[in-house]
Protein backbone atom coordinates (compact mmCIF):
# COMPACT_ATOMS: atom_id res chain seq x y z
CA UNK A 1 -20.69 30.01 -8.06
CA UNK A 2 -24.25 28.93 -7.24
CA UNK A 3 -25.32 25.54 -5.90
CA UNK A 4 -28.68 24.11 -4.88
CA UNK A 5 -30.26 20.95 -3.52
CA UNK A 6 -33.36 19.81 -5.36
CA UNK A 7 -35.85 17.24 -4.06
CA UNK A 8 -36.48 14.59 -6.72
CA UNK A 9 -40.20 14.04 -6.05
CA UNK A 10 -41.58 17.57 -5.94
CA UNK A 11 -38.73 19.79 -7.14
CA UNK A 12 -38.44 21.77 -3.89
CA UNK A 13 -35.16 23.68 -4.06
CA UNK A 14 -32.79 24.98 -1.40
CA UNK A 15 -29.98 27.40 -2.24
CA UNK A 16 -26.80 26.33 -0.46
CA UNK A 17 -25.01 28.77 1.81
CA UNK A 18 -21.37 28.65 2.96
CA UNK A 19 -22.39 26.27 5.77
CA UNK A 20 -25.60 24.22 5.80
CA UNK A 21 -26.90 21.96 8.57
CA UNK A 22 -29.37 19.44 7.15
CA UNK A 23 -31.87 17.60 9.32
CA UNK A 24 -35.34 17.25 10.77
CA UNK A 25 -34.87 19.93 13.45
CA UNK A 26 -36.99 23.07 13.18
CA UNK A 27 -33.89 25.28 13.14
CA UNK A 28 -31.78 23.30 10.65
CA UNK A 29 -30.52 25.37 7.72
CA UNK A 30 -32.23 22.88 5.40
CA UNK A 31 -35.17 21.25 7.20
CA UNK A 32 -36.39 17.92 5.78
CA UNK A 33 -39.58 16.44 7.18
CA UNK A 34 -38.88 12.72 7.02
CA UNK A 35 -38.90 10.28 9.94
CA UNK A 36 -35.85 8.51 8.53
CA UNK A 37 -33.78 11.68 8.84
CA UNK A 38 -32.06 12.63 12.10
CA UNK A 39 -32.51 16.03 13.73
CA UNK A 40 -28.91 16.87 12.85
CA UNK A 41 -28.29 14.54 9.92
CA UNK A 42 -25.42 15.98 7.87
CA UNK A 43 -23.63 19.15 6.90
CA UNK A 44 -22.79 20.62 3.51
CA UNK A 45 -19.94 23.11 3.64
CA UNK A 46 -18.36 25.17 0.90
CA UNK A 47 -14.58 25.03 0.70
CA UNK A 48 -13.29 27.07 -2.23
CA UNK A 49 -14.99 25.85 -5.41
CA UNK A 50 -16.23 22.62 -3.82
CA UNK A 51 -19.14 21.71 -1.53
CA UNK A 52 -18.36 18.90 0.94
CA UNK A 53 -21.05 16.73 2.52
CA UNK A 54 -20.43 15.07 5.89
CA UNK A 55 -22.71 12.70 7.81
CA UNK A 56 -23.06 13.63 11.52
CA UNK A 57 -23.52 10.10 12.83
CA UNK A 58 -27.14 9.95 11.65
CA UNK A 59 -29.23 6.91 12.54
CA UNK A 60 -29.83 5.83 8.93
CA UNK A 61 -26.76 7.22 7.23
CA UNK A 62 -26.24 9.47 4.21
CA UNK A 63 -25.70 8.15 0.68
CA UNK A 64 -24.23 9.77 -2.42
CA UNK A 65 -24.87 7.89 -5.68
CA UNK A 66 -25.91 4.86 -3.57
CA UNK A 67 -22.60 4.82 -1.64
CA UNK A 68 -22.72 5.33 2.14
CA UNK A 69 -20.69 8.25 3.47
CA UNK A 70 -17.90 7.18 5.80
CA UNK A 71 -15.99 10.47 5.51
CA UNK A 72 -16.46 13.86 3.90
CA UNK A 73 -17.06 13.80 0.16
CA UNK A 74 -16.91 16.54 -2.46
CA UNK A 75 -20.18 16.84 -4.36
CA UNK A 76 -20.33 17.07 -8.14
CA UNK A 77 -23.05 18.47 -10.37
CA UNK A 78 -25.83 15.87 -10.73
CA UNK A 79 -24.93 13.79 -7.65
CA UNK A 80 -27.85 11.93 -6.03
CA UNK A 81 -28.07 12.31 -2.26
CA UNK A 82 -30.32 9.97 -0.27
CA UNK A 83 -31.27 10.97 3.28
CA UNK A 84 -33.91 8.74 4.85
CA UNK A 85 -36.51 8.11 2.15
CA UNK A 86 -35.80 11.40 0.38
CA UNK A 87 -33.78 11.63 -2.82
CA UNK A 88 -32.09 14.95 -3.50
CA UNK A 89 -30.00 16.20 -6.41
CA UNK A 90 -26.99 18.49 -6.15
CA UNK A 91 -26.85 21.10 -8.91
CA UNK A 92 -23.91 23.46 -9.32
CA UNK A 93 -23.27 26.14 -11.91
CA UNK A 94 -19.85 27.79 -11.94
CA UNK A 95 -21.21 30.69 -13.96
CA UNK A 96 -23.02 31.83 -10.78
CA UNK A 97 -26.53 31.80 -12.28
CA UNK A 98 -29.05 30.28 -9.89
CA UNK A 99 -31.80 30.81 -12.46
CA UNK A 100 -30.21 28.29 -14.79
CA UNK A 101 -29.91 25.75 -11.95
CA UNK A 102 -33.47 26.05 -10.74
CA UNK A 103 -34.85 26.19 -14.26
CA UNK A 104 -33.10 22.96 -15.09
CA UNK A 105 -31.04 24.26 -18.01
CA UNK A 106 -27.85 22.40 -18.76
CA UNK A 107 -24.60 24.30 -18.20
CA UNK A 108 -21.11 23.36 -19.38
CA UNK A 109 -19.01 23.32 -16.21
CA UNK A 110 -15.35 24.26 -16.34
CA UNK A 111 -13.04 21.40 -15.53
CA UNK A 112 -11.53 21.72 -12.08
CA UNK A 113 -7.75 21.84 -11.95
CA UNK A 114 -6.18 18.63 -10.68
CA UNK A 115 -2.72 18.68 -9.16
CA UNK A 116 -0.32 15.99 -10.43
CA UNK A 117 0.17 13.16 -7.93
CA UNK A 118 3.52 13.17 -6.17
CA UNK A 119 4.89 11.50 -3.05
CA UNK A 120 6.37 13.71 -0.32
CA UNK A 121 7.44 13.39 3.28
CA UNK A 122 4.78 15.29 5.20
CA UNK A 123 3.85 16.34 8.72
CA UNK A 124 0.28 15.28 9.48
CA UNK A 125 -2.36 16.50 11.95
CA UNK A 126 -5.79 15.08 12.72
CA UNK A 127 -8.10 16.88 15.16
CA UNK A 128 -11.50 15.83 16.48
CA UNK A 129 -13.87 17.64 18.82
CA UNK A 130 -14.10 15.90 22.17
CA UNK A 131 -17.52 14.51 23.15
CA UNK A 132 -19.17 16.02 20.07
CA UNK A 133 -22.10 13.57 20.09
CA UNK A 134 -23.03 14.25 23.71
CA UNK A 135 -22.53 18.01 23.26
CA UNK A 136 -24.72 18.17 20.15
CA UNK A 137 -27.48 16.26 21.95
CA UNK A 138 -27.76 19.20 24.39
CA UNK A 139 -28.01 21.84 21.66
CA UNK A 140 -30.43 22.89 18.99
CA UNK A 141 -29.45 22.37 15.38
CA UNK A 142 -28.81 26.11 15.06
CA UNK A 143 -26.45 26.04 18.04
CA UNK A 144 -24.59 23.02 16.64
CA UNK A 145 -24.15 24.82 13.32
CA UNK A 146 -22.85 27.95 15.09
CA UNK A 147 -20.40 25.89 17.13
CA UNK A 148 -19.05 24.07 14.06
CA UNK A 149 -18.76 27.28 12.04
CA UNK A 150 -16.69 28.92 14.74
CA UNK A 151 -14.56 25.84 15.32
CA UNK A 152 -13.80 25.69 11.59
CA UNK A 153 -12.81 29.36 11.82
CA UNK A 154 -10.51 28.51 14.76
CA UNK A 155 -8.85 25.81 12.67
CA UNK A 156 -8.25 28.31 9.86
CA UNK A 157 -6.86 30.90 12.27
CA UNK A 158 -4.53 28.43 14.01
CA UNK A 159 -3.37 26.14 11.21
CA UNK A 160 -2.97 28.33 8.13
CA UNK A 161 -0.68 31.00 9.69
CA UNK A 162 1.61 28.13 10.74
CA UNK A 163 1.92 26.91 7.17
CA UNK A 164 -0.55 24.02 7.25
CA UNK A 165 -2.73 22.96 4.35
CA UNK A 166 -6.24 22.09 5.57
CA UNK A 167 -7.04 19.02 3.48
CA UNK A 168 -10.63 18.65 4.66
CA UNK A 169 -13.10 19.07 7.49
CA UNK A 170 -14.87 15.84 8.45
CA UNK A 171 -17.94 16.87 10.42
CA UNK A 172 -16.43 17.55 13.85
CA UNK A 173 -12.91 16.70 12.66
CA UNK A 174 -10.10 18.28 10.65
CA UNK A 175 -7.23 16.79 8.65
CA UNK A 176 -4.27 19.03 7.78
CA UNK A 177 -0.73 18.56 6.59
CA UNK A 178 2.56 20.34 5.94
CA UNK A 179 4.46 19.15 2.82
CA UNK A 180 7.71 18.98 4.83
CA UNK A 181 8.90 17.32 8.04
CA UNK A 182 11.94 19.30 9.22
CA UNK A 183 12.26 20.21 12.90
CA UNK A 184 10.77 23.69 12.45
CA UNK A 185 7.69 22.29 10.68
CA UNK A 186 7.16 19.74 13.45
CA UNK A 187 7.43 22.47 16.09
CA UNK A 188 4.80 24.55 14.28
CA UNK A 189 2.56 21.49 14.06
CA UNK A 190 2.98 20.81 17.80
CA UNK A 191 2.17 24.46 18.56
CA UNK A 192 -0.96 24.27 16.41
CA UNK A 193 -2.02 21.03 18.14
CA UNK A 194 -1.57 22.62 21.56
CA UNK A 195 -3.71 25.62 20.61
CA UNK A 196 -6.45 23.47 19.06
CA UNK A 197 -6.63 21.29 22.17
CA UNK A 198 -7.37 24.16 24.53
CA UNK A 199 -10.97 24.99 25.38
CA UNK A 200 -9.99 28.65 25.56
CA UNK A 201 -8.44 28.59 22.06
CA UNK A 202 -11.43 30.55 20.77
CA UNK A 203 -12.88 33.67 22.32
CA UNK A 204 -16.05 33.31 20.25
CA UNK A 205 -19.39 34.42 21.64
CA UNK A 206 -20.81 30.96 21.00
CA UNK A 207 -18.13 29.13 23.02
CA UNK A 208 -18.40 31.68 25.82
CA UNK A 209 -22.19 31.17 25.90
CA UNK A 210 -21.80 27.36 25.91
CA UNK A 211 -19.34 27.54 28.80
CA UNK A 212 -21.29 30.00 30.92
CA UNK A 213 -24.86 28.81 30.32
CA UNK A 214 -24.45 25.06 29.82
CA UNK A 215 -21.04 24.29 31.32
CA UNK A 216 -19.83 22.89 27.98
CA UNK A 217 -16.14 23.24 27.09
CA UNK A 218 -15.46 22.77 23.38
CA UNK A 219 -12.10 20.96 23.26
CA UNK A 220 -10.21 19.17 20.51
CA UNK A 221 -8.11 15.99 20.64
CA UNK A 222 -5.18 15.85 18.19
CA UNK A 223 -2.95 13.21 16.62
CA UNK A 224 0.43 14.06 15.03
CA UNK A 225 2.58 11.97 12.71
CA UNK A 226 5.08 12.17 9.85
CA UNK A 227 5.51 9.97 6.81
CA UNK A 228 5.22 9.62 3.05
CA UNK A 229 1.92 10.66 1.48
CA UNK A 230 0.65 10.93 -2.07
CA UNK A 231 -0.49 14.48 -2.82
CA UNK A 232 -2.61 15.32 -5.82
CA UNK A 233 -5.80 14.48 -7.68
CA UNK A 234 -7.68 11.49 -6.29
CA UNK A 235 -10.75 12.13 -8.45
CA UNK A 236 -11.98 14.84 -10.75
CA UNK A 237 -11.63 18.17 -8.97
CA UNK A 238 -10.63 16.56 -5.64
CA UNK A 239 -7.05 17.12 -4.48
CA UNK A 240 -6.06 15.42 -1.23
CA UNK A 241 -3.34 13.59 0.70
CA UNK A 242 -3.51 9.82 1.11
CA UNK A 243 -1.29 7.03 2.38
CA UNK A 244 -0.70 4.68 5.30
CA UNK A 245 0.85 7.52 7.31
CA UNK A 246 -2.49 9.36 7.10
CA UNK A 247 -4.37 6.29 8.37
CA UNK A 248 -1.95 5.94 11.30
CA UNK A 249 -2.44 9.62 12.21
CA UNK A 250 -6.21 9.06 12.50
CA UNK A 251 -5.54 6.02 14.71
CA UNK A 252 -3.20 8.00 16.93
CA UNK A 253 -5.87 10.65 17.42
CA UNK A 254 -8.24 7.84 18.41
CA UNK A 255 -5.84 6.82 21.21
CA UNK A 256 -6.30 10.20 22.93
CA UNK A 257 -9.54 8.95 24.49
CA UNK A 258 -8.00 5.74 25.81
CA UNK A 259 -4.92 7.50 27.23
CA UNK A 260 -6.82 10.63 28.31
CA UNK A 261 -4.20 12.95 26.82
CA UNK A 262 -5.42 15.63 24.41
CA UNK A 263 -2.41 15.60 22.03
CA UNK A 264 -0.53 12.46 21.02
CA UNK A 265 2.35 12.14 18.55
CA UNK A 266 4.06 9.16 16.98
CA UNK A 267 7.65 8.30 17.88
CA UNK A 268 8.59 9.18 14.29
CA UNK A 269 7.21 12.70 14.80
CA UNK A 270 8.96 13.25 18.14
CA UNK A 271 12.33 11.89 17.02
CA UNK A 272 12.73 14.77 14.56
CA UNK A 273 12.54 17.48 17.26
CA UNK A 274 15.70 18.34 19.23
CA UNK A 275 15.14 18.26 23.00
CA UNK A 276 11.70 16.69 22.47
CA UNK A 277 11.80 15.29 26.00
CA UNK A 278 11.21 18.82 27.26
CA UNK A 279 7.72 19.03 25.73
CA UNK A 280 6.67 15.36 25.29
CA UNK A 281 6.04 12.48 27.72
CA UNK A 282 6.48 8.88 26.59
CA UNK A 283 3.14 7.09 27.08
CA UNK A 284 3.90 3.63 25.76
CA UNK A 285 3.41 1.32 22.80
CA UNK A 286 -0.18 0.57 21.87
CA UNK A 287 -2.15 -1.60 19.48
CA UNK A 288 -4.30 0.37 17.07
CA UNK A 289 -7.17 -0.80 14.93
CA UNK A 290 -6.28 -1.78 11.37
CA UNK A 291 -2.51 -1.78 11.93
CA UNK A 292 -0.45 -5.00 12.18
CA UNK A 293 2.22 -3.34 14.32
CA UNK A 294 1.72 -1.43 17.57
CA UNK A 295 2.41 2.32 17.61
CA UNK A 296 4.76 4.06 20.04
CA UNK A 297 3.28 7.39 21.13
CA UNK A 298 4.19 10.47 23.12
CA UNK A 299 1.89 13.00 24.80
CA UNK A 300 2.41 16.73 24.40
CA UNK A 301 2.65 18.53 27.72
CA UNK A 302 0.22 21.40 28.19
CA UNK A 303 1.75 24.62 26.88
């Protein structure tokens, strides 16, 4: 399945790889020479049949069809992407013919399969790389891309064998869920969170080089929660989990910086694990942005 980016003004075309770092840097996968574009502006990553675009905190933002990106978004054939003053088009052909894309011929795309929407009790995990902005400022675009690729691979290796569904990667973050919330599922989620939070979770050459040559430890902060979510199609070809429980999980992850604990879980998550006091410490009740009620949280002890 081929996909390209095409510049609107002059027709310059870039064939998209599995992972693409877009920016003004000399070593970006897709280099765009525009002063309104940041050195490391956004990423475009293939996940199955879809390509997801994520802004990396760029100075001027990234826009798809005139809407600013605030989280990762799945691209569709014909989408307009504005970065700085440049307008780009996303072209995708599921037949796999790049010649048809570059030549501008129209292809009939197969309709992506949408899952029916249903509400389930789920176990939720949100992870975010610690100090990503300051780390990326010390690296070249190529090094940032290598670090993200290997961290995504770590997430796959840790989460999927423990039964998690990786809903999406959001730049330096990951959102995953288990469509169940029994005690065993919660224990597997806590184990995954513990592994993700450790700097030594990956034995990759890139992380070893970052640690030894620059003194940079690539760590992840994690929020855990349980609650009802709607699973299914939230747009053509986009299947995801949504609900207030998801929003709260993101807020819990945000508390990790304030409380300086790498893994935090809601009281609802902890209450479903027998003998939870053995592995969790109570760290109080805290106000979180966007929620009318404070959230009671527990910190996972280092494994």
